[in-house]
Amino acid sequence: MIAGGLILAVSIILFYSEIVASIFGFALGSLNVIIGILTPRTVGITIPADQAGPVKLSIDKGVIRTNIYAIGFSEKKMVLRKLSSANLTVVAALILAVLGAVVAGPFGIIVGGITAFSLQEFVTQRRRDEIKRGNILDASGSNDLEFPYDEIEHVQLLGNRIQIHLKDRAVRMAISRRSARILGPMLERIIPAKILSRPVPSGKDL
């Protein structure tokens, strides 16, 4: 919403000098505001009130390379449900940036990039809501990942990154700093035997 508001403000300034750029900015600025209204902020970590249930902890967003996942922890496994890919944002940004460059010059390129990011957040939130209505531990999608705890050698928490060390590779995942601050104590309760605080040599990465 803030980005949309700034775009609309600049579009007003450009109205008398760059009418086409102003109209383009109004259109995408309004779209950003609408997306902002429809897309709630992520809550980060969720701890279910019913700890007797299968889900012990969930995280709204984890990033592995260019892929974004919702993460669920049970007593026996860690599941990553695919939300979206940053590649989609890159493609959308290129398309909107080219369109913006043709229509509104440098201003259009910036507006196009911002709008592509907003669209990704909107699509990601829709997918996240869909997962929450079902079972986050059901890794039945072709792009979902599942790590049973008995296949994990250890887990490291390094700042806002989680490193999952398996027998043949290490999976590195970035989470928000807000989530990282409270994740450690929660994982100590769920998988205390797997948490490792000291650095170890890295293996093959995913």
C-alpha atoms as a PDB file:
ATOM      1  CA  MET A   1       0.000   0.000   0.000  1.00  0.00           C
ATOM      2  CA  ILE A   2       2.861   2.381   0.788  1.00  0.00           C
ATOM      3  CA  ALA A   3       4.461   1.657  -2.594  1.00  0.00           C
ATOM      4  CA  GLY A   4       1.128   2.217  -4.329  1.00  0.00           C
ATOM      5  CA  GLY A   5       0.631   5.487  -2.497  1.00  0.00           C
ATOM      6  CA  LEU A   6       4.085   6.744  -3.520  1.00  0.00           C
ATOM      7  CA  ILE A   7       3.444   5.774  -7.137  1.00  0.00           C
ATOM      8  CA  LEU A   8       0.135   7.661  -7.103  1.00  0.00           C
ATOM      9  CA  ALA A   9       1.828  10.717  -5.557  1.00  0.00           C
ATOM     10  CA  VAL A  10       4.503  10.787  -8.274  1.00  0.00           C
ATOM     11  CA  SER A  11       1.825  10.253 -10.929  1.00  0.00           C
ATOM     12  CA  ILE A  12       0.012  13.364  -9.711  1.00  0.00           C
ATOM     13  CA  ILE A  13       3.232  15.380  -9.999  1.00  0.00           C
ATOM     14  CA  LEU A  14       3.749  14.101 -13.567  1.00  0.00           C
ATOM     15  CA  PHE A  15       0.165  14.766 -14.646  1.00  0.00           C
ATOM     16  CA  TYR A  16       0.809  18.116 -16.374  1.00  0.00           C
ATOM     17  CA  SER A  17       4.213  17.281 -17.861  1.00  0.00           C
ATOM     18  CA  GLU A  18       4.045  13.555 -18.701  1.00  0.00           C
ATOM     19  CA  ILE A  19       0.396  12.666 -19.183  1.00  0.00           C
ATOM     20  CA  VAL A  20       1.009   9.144 -20.538  1.00  0.00           C
ATOM     21  CA  ALA A  21       3.460   8.294 -17.747  1.00  0.00           C
ATOM     22  CA  SER A  22       1.014   9.752 -15.236  1.00  0.00           C
ATOM     23  CA  ILE A  23      -1.855   7.580 -16.483  1.00  0.00           C
ATOM     24  CA  PHE A  24       0.393   4.490 -16.422  1.00  0.00           C
ATOM     25  CA  GLY A  25       1.435   5.345 -12.870  1.00  0.00           C
ATOM     26  CA  PHE A  26      -2.158   5.892 -11.783  1.00  0.00           C
ATOM     27  CA  ALA A  27      -3.149   2.491 -13.186  1.00  0.00           C
ATOM     28  CA  LEU A  28      -0.336   0.504 -11.565  1.00  0.00           C
ATOM     29  CA  GLY A  29      -0.333   2.618  -8.409  1.00  0.00           C
ATOM     30  CA  SER A  30      -4.027   1.864  -7.912  1.00  0.00           C
ATOM     31  CA  LEU A  31      -3.332  -1.819  -8.579  1.00  0.00           C
ATOM     32  CA  ASN A  32      -0.622  -1.831  -5.893  1.00  0.00           C
ATOM     33  CA  VAL A  33      -2.971  -0.227  -3.373  1.00  0.00           C
ATOM     34  CA  ILE A  34      -5.685  -2.802  -4.124  1.00  0.00           C
ATOM     35  CA  ILE A  35      -3.189  -5.650  -3.811  1.00  0.00           C
ATOM     36  CA  GLY A  36      -1.979  -4.187  -0.514  1.00  0.00           C
ATOM     37  CA  ILE A  37      -5.533  -4.107   0.843  1.00  0.00           C
ATOM     38  CA  LEU A  38      -6.201  -7.696  -0.237  1.00  0.00           C
ATOM     39  CA  THR A  39      -2.864  -9.100   0.996  1.00  0.00           C
ATOM     40  CA  PRO A  40      -2.539  -9.291   4.809  1.00  0.00           C
ATOM     41  CA  ARG A  41       0.852  -9.216   6.455  1.00  0.00           C
ATOM     42  CA  THR A  42       2.385 -12.583   7.197  1.00  0.00           C
ATOM     43  CA  VAL A  43       2.392 -13.565  10.858  1.00  0.00           C
ATOM     44  CA  GLY A  44       5.758 -15.314  10.708  1.00  0.00           C
ATOM     45  CA  ILE A  45       5.712 -18.185  13.184  1.00  0.00           C
ATOM     46  CA  THR A  46       2.435 -19.787  14.239  1.00  0.00           C
ATOM     47  CA  ILE A  47       2.217 -22.053  17.278  1.00  0.00           C
ATOM     48  CA  PRO A  48      -1.085 -23.969  17.260  1.00  0.00           C
ATOM     49  CA  ALA A  49      -3.096 -23.679  20.456  1.00  0.00           C
ATOM     50  CA  ASP A  50      -3.755 -27.418  20.291  1.00  0.00           C
ATOM     51  CA  GLN A  51      -0.277 -28.836  20.801  1.00  0.00           C
ATOM     52  CA  ALA A  52      -1.797 -32.314  20.915  1.00  0.00           C
ATOM     53  CA  GLY A  53      -2.468 -31.991  17.184  1.00  0.00           C
ATOM     54  CA  PRO A  54      -0.046 -33.077  14.448  1.00  0.00           C
ATOM     55  CA  VAL A  55       1.282 -29.565  13.649  1.00  0.00           C
ATOM     56  CA  LYS A  56       3.642 -28.274  16.341  1.00  0.00           C
ATOM     57  CA  LEU A  57       4.920 -25.163  14.569  1.00  0.00           C
ATOM     58  CA  SER A  58       4.562 -23.442  11.205  1.00  0.00           C
ATOM     59  CA  ILE A  59       6.455 -20.639   9.461  1.00  0.00           C
ATOM     60  CA  ASP A  60       4.795 -18.531   6.772  1.00  0.00           C
ATOM     61  CA  LYS A  61       7.838 -18.073   4.569  1.00  0.00           C
ATOM     62  CA  GLY A  62      11.156 -19.795   3.959  1.00  0.00           C
ATOM     63  CA  VAL A  63      13.315 -19.254   0.875  1.00  0.00           C
ATOM     64  CA  ILE A  64      15.559 -21.845  -0.755  1.00  0.00           C
ATOM     65  CA  ARG A  65      17.377 -20.350  -3.732  1.00  0.00           C
ATOM     66  CA  THR A  66      14.546 -18.837  -5.798  1.00  0.00           C
ATOM     67  CA  ASN A  67      11.721 -20.905  -4.302  1.00  0.00           C
ATOM     68  CA  ILE A  68       9.410 -19.775  -1.498  1.00  0.00           C
ATOM     69  CA  TYR A  69       7.859 -22.285   0.920  1.00  0.00           C
ATOM     70  CA  ALA A  70       5.499 -22.500   3.869  1.00  0.00           C
ATOM     71  CA  ILE A  71       7.092 -24.688   6.559  1.00  0.00           C
ATOM     72  CA  GLY A  72       5.407 -27.064   8.963  1.00  0.00           C
ATOM     73  CA  PHE A  73       6.912 -29.076  11.821  1.00  0.00           C
ATOM     74  CA  SER A  74       5.349 -32.176  13.346  1.00  0.00           C
ATOM     75  CA  GLU A  75       6.717 -34.632  15.869  1.00  0.00           C
ATOM     76  CA  LYS A  76       8.236 -36.756  13.106  1.00  0.00           C
ATOM     77  CA  LYS A  77       9.027 -34.567  10.112  1.00  0.00           C
ATOM     78  CA  MET A  78       9.577 -31.136   8.603  1.00  0.00           C
ATOM     79  CA  VAL A  79       7.510 -30.283   5.530  1.00  0.00           C
ATOM     80  CA  LEU A  80       8.063 -27.478   3.018  1.00  0.00           C
ATOM     81  CA  ARG A  81       5.029 -26.622   0.865  1.00  0.00           C
ATOM     82  CA  LYS A  82       5.850 -24.705  -2.324  1.00  0.00           C
ATOM     83  CA  LEU A  83       4.265 -21.250  -2.462  1.00  0.00           C
ATOM     84  CA  SER A  84       5.871 -19.645  -5.475  1.00  0.00           C
ATOM     85  CA  SER A  85       9.132 -19.046  -7.280  1.00  0.00           C
ATOM     86  CA  ALA A  86      11.133 -15.843  -7.522  1.00  0.00           C
ATOM     87  CA  ASN A  87      11.576 -16.712 -11.202  1.00  0.00           C
ATOM     88  CA  LEU A  88       7.929 -15.758 -11.723  1.00  0.00           C
ATOM     89  CA  THR A  89       8.667 -12.363 -10.208  1.00  0.00           C
ATOM     90  CA  VAL A  90      11.658 -11.905 -12.516  1.00  0.00           C
ATOM     91  CA  VAL A  91       9.594 -12.754 -15.596  1.00  0.00           C
ATOM     92  CA  ALA A  92       6.723 -10.519 -14.505  1.00  0.00           C
ATOM     93  CA  ALA A  93       9.154  -7.716 -13.656  1.00  0.00           C
ATOM     94  CA  LEU A  94      10.806  -7.945 -17.080  1.00  0.00           C
ATOM     95  CA  ILE A  95       7.462  -7.834 -18.872  1.00  0.00           C
ATOM     96  CA  LEU A  96       6.147  -4.919 -16.819  1.00  0.00           C
ATOM     97  CA  ALA A  97       9.492  -3.105 -16.952  1.00  0.00           C
ATOM     98  CA  VAL A  98       9.637  -3.345 -20.755  1.00  0.00           C
ATOM     99  CA  LEU A  99       6.039  -2.195 -21.004  1.00  0.00           C
ATOM    100  CA  GLY A 100       6.743   0.582 -18.545  1.00  0.00           C
ATOM    101  CA  ALA A 101       9.860   1.673 -20.414  1.00  0.00           C
ATOM    102  CA  VAL A 102       7.914   1.936 -23.683  1.00  0.00           C
ATOM    103  CA  VAL A 103       4.991   3.786 -22.105  1.00  0.00           C
ATOM    104  CA  ALA A 104       6.538   5.832 -19.320  1.00  0.00           C
ATOM    105  CA  GLY A 105      10.331   5.686 -19.559  1.00  0.00           C
ATOM    106  CA  PRO A 106      12.458   5.203 -16.397  1.00  0.00           C
ATOM    107  CA  PHE A 107       9.451   5.880 -14.177  1.00  0.00           C
ATOM    108  CA  GLY A 108       7.613   3.021 -15.871  1.00  0.00           C
ATOM    109  CA  ILE A 109      10.524   0.624 -15.298  1.00  0.00           C
ATOM    110  CA  ILE A 110      10.489   1.323 -11.549  1.00  0.00           C
ATOM    111  CA  VAL A 111       6.711   1.076 -11.316  1.00  0.00           C
ATOM    112  CA  GLY A 112       6.731  -2.192 -13.268  1.00  0.00           C
ATOM    113  CA  GLY A 113       9.289  -3.760 -10.946  1.00  0.00           C
ATOM    114  CA  ILE A 114       7.393  -2.737  -7.822  1.00  0.00           C
ATOM    115  CA  THR A 115       4.132  -4.067  -9.232  1.00  0.00           C
ATOM    116  CA  ALA A 116       5.719  -7.422 -10.109  1.00  0.00           C
ATOM    117  CA  PHE A 117       6.839  -7.820  -6.496  1.00  0.00           C
ATOM    118  CA  SER A 118       3.345  -6.910  -5.249  1.00  0.00           C
ATOM    119  CA  LEU A 119       1.783  -9.473  -7.573  1.00  0.00           C
ATOM    120  CA  GLN A 120       4.131 -12.167  -6.275  1.00  0.00           C
ATOM    121  CA  GLU A 121       3.167 -11.372  -2.689  1.00  0.00           C
ATOM    122  CA  PHE A 122      -0.512 -11.571  -3.637  1.00  0.00           C
ATOM    123  CA  VAL A 123      -0.115 -14.941  -5.382  1.00  0.00           C
ATOM    124  CA  THR A 124       2.015 -16.262  -2.515  1.00  0.00           C
ATOM    125  CA  GLN A 125      -0.607 -15.263   0.057  1.00  0.00           C
ATOM    126  CA  ARG A 126      -3.402 -16.945  -1.930  1.00  0.00           C
ATOM    127  CA  ARG A 127      -1.371 -20.163  -2.032  1.00  0.00           C
ATOM    128  CA  ARG A 128      -0.561 -19.840   1.681  1.00  0.00           C
ATOM    129  CA  ASP A 129      -4.262 -19.470   2.524  1.00  0.00           C
ATOM    130  CA  GLU A 130      -5.033 -22.549   0.432  1.00  0.00           C
ATOM    131  CA  ILE A 131      -2.457 -24.583   2.351  1.00  0.00           C
ATOM    132  CA  LYS A 132      -3.774 -23.389   5.719  1.00  0.00           C
ATOM    133  CA  ARG A 133      -7.286 -24.498   4.794  1.00  0.00           C
ATOM    134  CA  GLY A 134      -5.922 -27.989   4.216  1.00  0.00           C
ATOM    135  CA  ASN A 135      -3.079 -29.891   5.877  1.00  0.00           C
ATOM    136  CA  ILE A 136       0.309 -28.186   5.819  1.00  0.00           C
ATOM    137  CA  LEU A 137       1.971 -31.561   6.513  1.00  0.00           C
ATOM    138  CA  ASP A 138       0.592 -33.090   3.314  1.00  0.00           C
ATOM    139  CA  ALA A 139       3.604 -32.803   0.992  1.00  0.00           C
ATOM    140  CA  SER A 140       1.807 -34.329  -1.982  1.00  0.00           C
ATOM    141  CA  GLY A 141       2.709 -31.601  -4.484  1.00  0.00           C
ATOM    142  CA  SER A 142       5.444 -32.307  -6.994  1.00  0.00           C
ATOM    143  CA  ASN A 143       7.431 -29.288  -5.764  1.00  0.00           C
ATOM    144  CA  ASP A 144       6.918 -29.874  -2.037  1.00  0.00           C
ATOM    145  CA  LEU A 145       9.745 -31.156   0.183  1.00  0.00           C
ATOM    146  CA  GLU A 146       9.632 -33.446   3.192  1.00  0.00           C
ATOM    147  CA  PHE A 147      12.404 -34.224   5.684  1.00  0.00           C
ATOM    148  CA  PRO A 148      11.685 -36.938   8.283  1.00  0.00           C
ATOM    149  CA  TYR A 149      13.689 -36.213  11.427  1.00  0.00           C
ATOM    150  CA  ASP A 150      15.323 -39.626  11.341  1.00  0.00           C
ATOM    151  CA  GLU A 151      16.926 -38.648   8.012  1.00  0.00           C
ATOM    152  CA  ILE A 152      18.298 -35.377   9.409  1.00  0.00           C
ATOM    153  CA  GLU A 153      21.729 -35.508  11.023  1.00  0.00           C
ATOM    154  CA  HIS A 154      21.460 -32.075  12.616  1.00  0.00           C
ATOM    155  CA  VAL A 155      19.996 -28.593  12.205  1.00  0.00           C
ATOM    156  CA  GLN A 156      21.861 -25.301  12.601  1.00  0.00           C
ATOM    157  CA  LEU A 157      20.350 -21.871  13.177  1.00  0.00           C
ATOM    158  CA  LEU A 158      22.694 -19.195  11.811  1.00  0.00           C
ATOM    159  CA  GLY A 159      21.143 -15.763  12.126  1.00  0.00           C
ATOM    160  CA  ASN A 160      18.109 -15.763   9.845  1.00  0.00           C
ATOM    161  CA  ARG A 161      19.153 -19.001   8.129  1.00  0.00           C
ATOM    162  CA  ILE A 162      18.321 -22.616   8.831  1.00  0.00           C
ATOM    163  CA  GLN A 163      20.802 -25.267   7.699  1.00  0.00           C
ATOM    164  CA  ILE A 164      19.429 -28.787   7.512  1.00  0.00           C
ATOM    165  CA  HIS A 165      22.245 -31.314   7.293  1.00  0.00           C
ATOM    166  CA  LEU A 166      21.244 -34.604   5.703  1.00  0.00           C
ATOM    167  CA  LYS A 167      23.494 -37.584   5.002  1.00  0.00           C
ATOM    168  CA  ASP A 168      24.312 -36.498   1.451  1.00  0.00           C
ATOM    169  CA  ARG A 169      23.618 -32.775   1.310  1.00  0.00           C
ATOM    170  CA  ALA A 170      22.873 -29.599   3.236  1.00  0.00           C
ATOM    171  CA  VAL A 171      19.722 -27.580   2.657  1.00  0.00           C
ATOM    172  CA  ARG A 172      20.039 -23.868   3.384  1.00  0.00           C
ATOM    173  CA  MET A 173      16.896 -21.852   3.951  1.00  0.00           C
ATOM    174  CA  ALA A 174      16.392 -18.164   4.749  1.00  0.00           C
ATOM    175  CA  ILE A 175      13.568 -16.975   6.994  1.00  0.00           C
ATOM    176  CA  SER A 176      12.595 -13.550   8.324  1.00  0.00           C
ATOM    177  CA  ARG A 177      14.679 -12.116  11.149  1.00  0.00           C
ATOM    178  CA  ARG A 178      11.518 -11.755  13.226  1.00  0.00           C
ATOM    179  CA  SER A 179      10.867 -15.496  12.931  1.00  0.00           C
ATOM    180  CA  ALA A 180      14.524 -16.367  13.502  1.00  0.00           C
ATOM    181  CA  ARG A 181      14.543 -14.664  16.913  1.00  0.00           C
ATOM    182  CA  ILE A 182      11.972 -17.059  18.360  1.00  0.00           C
ATOM    183  CA  LEU A 183      12.567 -20.176  16.275  1.00  0.00           C
ATOM    184  CA  GLY A 184      15.478 -21.587  18.268  1.00  0.00           C
ATOM    185  CA  PRO A 185      13.645 -22.172  21.565  1.00  0.00           C
ATOM    186  CA  MET A 186      10.714 -23.720  19.698  1.00  0.00           C
ATOM    187  CA  LEU A 187      12.901 -26.191  17.802  1.00  0.00           C
ATOM    188  CA  GLU A 188      14.667 -27.062  21.033  1.00  0.00           C
ATOM    189  CA  ARG A 189      11.307 -28.323  22.235  1.00  0.00           C
ATOM    190  CA  ILE A 190      10.393 -30.192  19.037  1.00  0.00           C
ATOM    191  CA  ILE A 191      13.727 -31.706  17.939  1.00  0.00           C
ATOM    192  CA  PRO A 192      16.230 -31.092  20.766  1.00  0.00           C
ATOM    193  CA  ALA A 193      18.526 -33.914  19.685  1.00  0.00           C
ATOM    194  CA  LYS A 194      18.955 -32.426  16.190  1.00  0.00           C
ATOM    195  CA  ILE A 195      19.875 -28.833  17.098  1.00  0.00           C
ATOM    196  CA  LEU A 196      23.571 -28.039  16.725  1.00  0.00           C
ATOM    197  CA  SER A 197      25.082 -24.697  17.729  1.00  0.00           C
ATOM    198  CA  ARG A 198      28.661 -25.068  16.565  1.00  0.00           C
ATOM    199  CA  PRO A 199      29.752 -24.640  12.889  1.00  0.00           C
ATOM    200  CA  VAL A 200      30.345 -27.763  10.845  1.00  0.00           C
ATOM    201  CA  PRO A 201      31.867 -28.281   7.393  1.00  0.00           C
ATOM    202  CA  SER A 202      29.261 -27.868   4.668  1.00  0.00           C
ATOM    203  CA  GLY A 203      28.414 -30.694   2.291  1.00  0.00           C
ATOM    204  CA  LYS A 204      26.610 -30.744  -1.000  1.00  0.00           C
ATOM    205  CA  ASP A 205      23.981 -27.992  -1.053  1.00  0.00           C
ATOM    206  CA  LEU A 206      20.420 -28.094  -2.274  1.00  0.00           C
END
